[in-house]
Amino acid sequence: MLAEGWATRPEPGRLTLDPDGRQRLSRVTERVDAFRELSTTGISPDEYRTAVHVLERMTHNIETATSTDLTP
């Protein structure tokens, strides 16, 4: 963000979006919202929550597996 000029560092440990960064964030937000709307068309909130929960469990399973667990 700093290298691309989206933000400044007003003090150590803190970033602030500059005007260009705010514009870019706004465009990214619009694209994410459009993608989310398109990808969830016809999916109920309950189905979405179930899918997210299952994917989180799958991720947890993979992250906690050791390399020997993954070899045949």
C-alpha atoms as a PDB file:
ATOM      1  CA  MET A   1       0.000   0.000   0.000  1.00  0.00           C
ATOM      2  CA  LEU A   2       2.826   2.357   0.822  1.00  0.00           C
ATOM      3  CA  ALA A   3       4.892   1.433  -2.231  1.00  0.00           C
ATOM      4  CA  GLU A   4       1.926   1.861  -4.560  1.00  0.00           C
ATOM      5  CA  GLY A   5       0.978   5.199  -3.038  1.00  0.00           C
ATOM      6  CA  TRP A   6      -2.336   4.125  -1.535  1.00  0.00           C
ATOM      7  CA  ALA A   7      -1.408   5.089   1.990  1.00  0.00           C
ATOM      8  CA  THR A   8       0.869   7.115   4.176  1.00  0.00           C
ATOM      9  CA  ARG A   9       2.326   6.324   7.575  1.00  0.00           C
ATOM     10  CA  PRO A  10       1.403   9.241   9.860  1.00  0.00           C
ATOM     11  CA  GLU A  11       3.083   7.550  12.820  1.00  0.00           C
ATOM     12  CA  PRO A  12       4.794   4.219  13.537  1.00  0.00           C
ATOM     13  CA  GLY A  13       2.379   1.309  13.419  1.00  0.00           C
ATOM     14  CA  ARG A  14      -0.364   3.294  11.687  1.00  0.00           C
ATOM     15  CA  LEU A  15      -1.402   3.611   8.046  1.00  0.00           C
ATOM     16  CA  THR A  16      -3.807   6.130   6.554  1.00  0.00           C
ATOM     17  CA  LEU A  17      -5.310   5.902   3.089  1.00  0.00           C
ATOM     18  CA  ASP A  18      -4.595   8.879   0.909  1.00  0.00           C
ATOM     19  CA  PRO A  19      -7.191  10.162  -1.626  1.00  0.00           C
ATOM     20  CA  ASP A  20      -5.934   7.771  -4.329  1.00  0.00           C
ATOM     21  CA  GLY A  21      -6.045   4.892  -1.861  1.00  0.00           C
ATOM     22  CA  ARG A  22      -9.629   5.721  -0.908  1.00  0.00           C
ATOM     23  CA  GLN A  23     -10.634   5.754  -4.598  1.00  0.00           C
ATOM     24  CA  ARG A  24      -8.922   2.439  -5.218  1.00  0.00           C
ATOM     25  CA  LEU A  25     -10.494   0.893  -2.115  1.00  0.00           C
ATOM     26  CA  SER A  26     -13.893   2.084  -3.320  1.00  0.00           C
ATOM     27  CA  ARG A  27     -13.369   0.403  -6.725  1.00  0.00           C
ATOM     28  CA  VAL A  28     -12.152  -2.812  -5.097  1.00  0.00           C
ATOM     29  CA  THR A  29     -15.165  -2.805  -2.768  1.00  0.00           C
ATOM     30  CA  GLU A  30     -17.534  -2.417  -5.737  1.00  0.00           C
ATOM     31  CA  ARG A  31     -15.894  -5.341  -7.538  1.00  0.00           C
ATOM     32  CA  VAL A  32     -15.962  -7.565  -4.455  1.00  0.00           C
ATOM     33  CA  ASP A  33     -19.630  -6.729  -3.856  1.00  0.00           C
ATOM     34  CA  ALA A  34     -20.496  -7.544  -7.494  1.00  0.00           C
ATOM     35  CA  PHE A  35     -18.569 -10.826  -7.320  1.00  0.00           C
ATOM     36  CA  ARG A  36     -20.248 -11.779  -4.048  1.00  0.00           C
ATOM     37  CA  GLU A  37     -23.705 -11.013  -5.443  1.00  0.00           C
ATOM     38  CA  LEU A  38     -23.044 -13.010  -8.611  1.00  0.00           C
ATOM     39  CA  SER A  39     -21.475 -15.972  -6.828  1.00  0.00           C
ATOM     40  CA  THR A  40     -24.236 -16.300  -4.230  1.00  0.00           C
ATOM     41  CA  THR A  41     -27.223 -15.920  -6.553  1.00  0.00           C
ATOM     42  CA  GLY A  42     -29.795 -18.574  -5.644  1.00  0.00           C
ATOM     43  CA  ILE A  43     -27.983 -19.546  -2.427  1.00  0.00           C
ATOM     44  CA  SER A  44     -29.859 -18.987   0.801  1.00  0.00           C
ATOM     45  CA  PRO A  45     -28.146 -17.439   3.827  1.00  0.00           C
ATOM     46  CA  ASP A  46     -28.335 -20.834   5.574  1.00  0.00           C
ATOM     47  CA  GLU A  47     -26.713 -22.594   2.611  1.00  0.00           C
ATOM     48  CA  TYR A  48     -23.984 -19.948   2.514  1.00  0.00           C
ATOM     49  CA  ARG A  49     -23.264 -20.329   6.234  1.00  0.00           C
ATOM     50  CA  THR A  50     -23.123 -24.121   5.836  1.00  0.00           C
ATOM     51  CA  ALA A  51     -20.710 -23.854   2.918  1.00  0.00           C
ATOM     52  CA  VAL A  52     -18.436 -21.455   4.791  1.00  0.00           C
ATOM     53  CA  HIS A  53     -18.503 -23.673   7.885  1.00  0.00           C
ATOM     54  CA  VAL A  54     -17.570 -26.770   5.858  1.00  0.00           C
ATOM     55  CA  LEU A  55     -14.751 -24.916   4.077  1.00  0.00           C
ATOM     56  CA  GLU A  56     -13.423 -23.651   7.420  1.00  0.00           C
ATOM     57  CA  ARG A  57     -13.398 -27.215   8.784  1.00  0.00           C
ATOM     58  CA  MET A  58     -11.628 -28.466   5.645  1.00  0.00           C
ATOM     59  CA  THR A  59      -9.016 -25.718   6.000  1.00  0.00           C
ATOM     60  CA  HIS A  60      -8.520 -26.577   9.657  1.00  0.00           C
ATOM     61  CA  ASN A  61      -8.066 -30.266   8.763  1.00  0.00           C
ATOM     62  CA  ILE A  62      -5.382 -29.448   6.214  1.00  0.00           C
ATOM     63  CA  GLU A  63      -3.592 -26.931   8.426  1.00  0.00           C
ATOM     64  CA  THR A  64      -3.395 -29.320  11.359  1.00  0.00           C
ATOM     65  CA  ALA A  65      -2.329 -32.343   9.317  1.00  0.00           C
ATOM     66  CA  THR A  66       1.334 -33.275   9.397  1.00  0.00           C
ATOM     67  CA  SER A  67       3.239 -34.057   6.225  1.00  0.00           C
ATOM     68  CA  THR A  68       3.160 -37.757   7.115  1.00  0.00           C
ATOM     69  CA  ASP A  69      -0.636 -37.590   7.307  1.00  0.00           C
ATOM     70  CA  LEU A  70      -0.697 -36.462   3.683  1.00  0.00           C
ATOM     71  CA  THR A  71       1.509 -39.211   2.252  1.00  0.00           C
ATOM     72  CA  PRO A  72      -0.165 -42.385   0.974  1.00  0.00           C
END
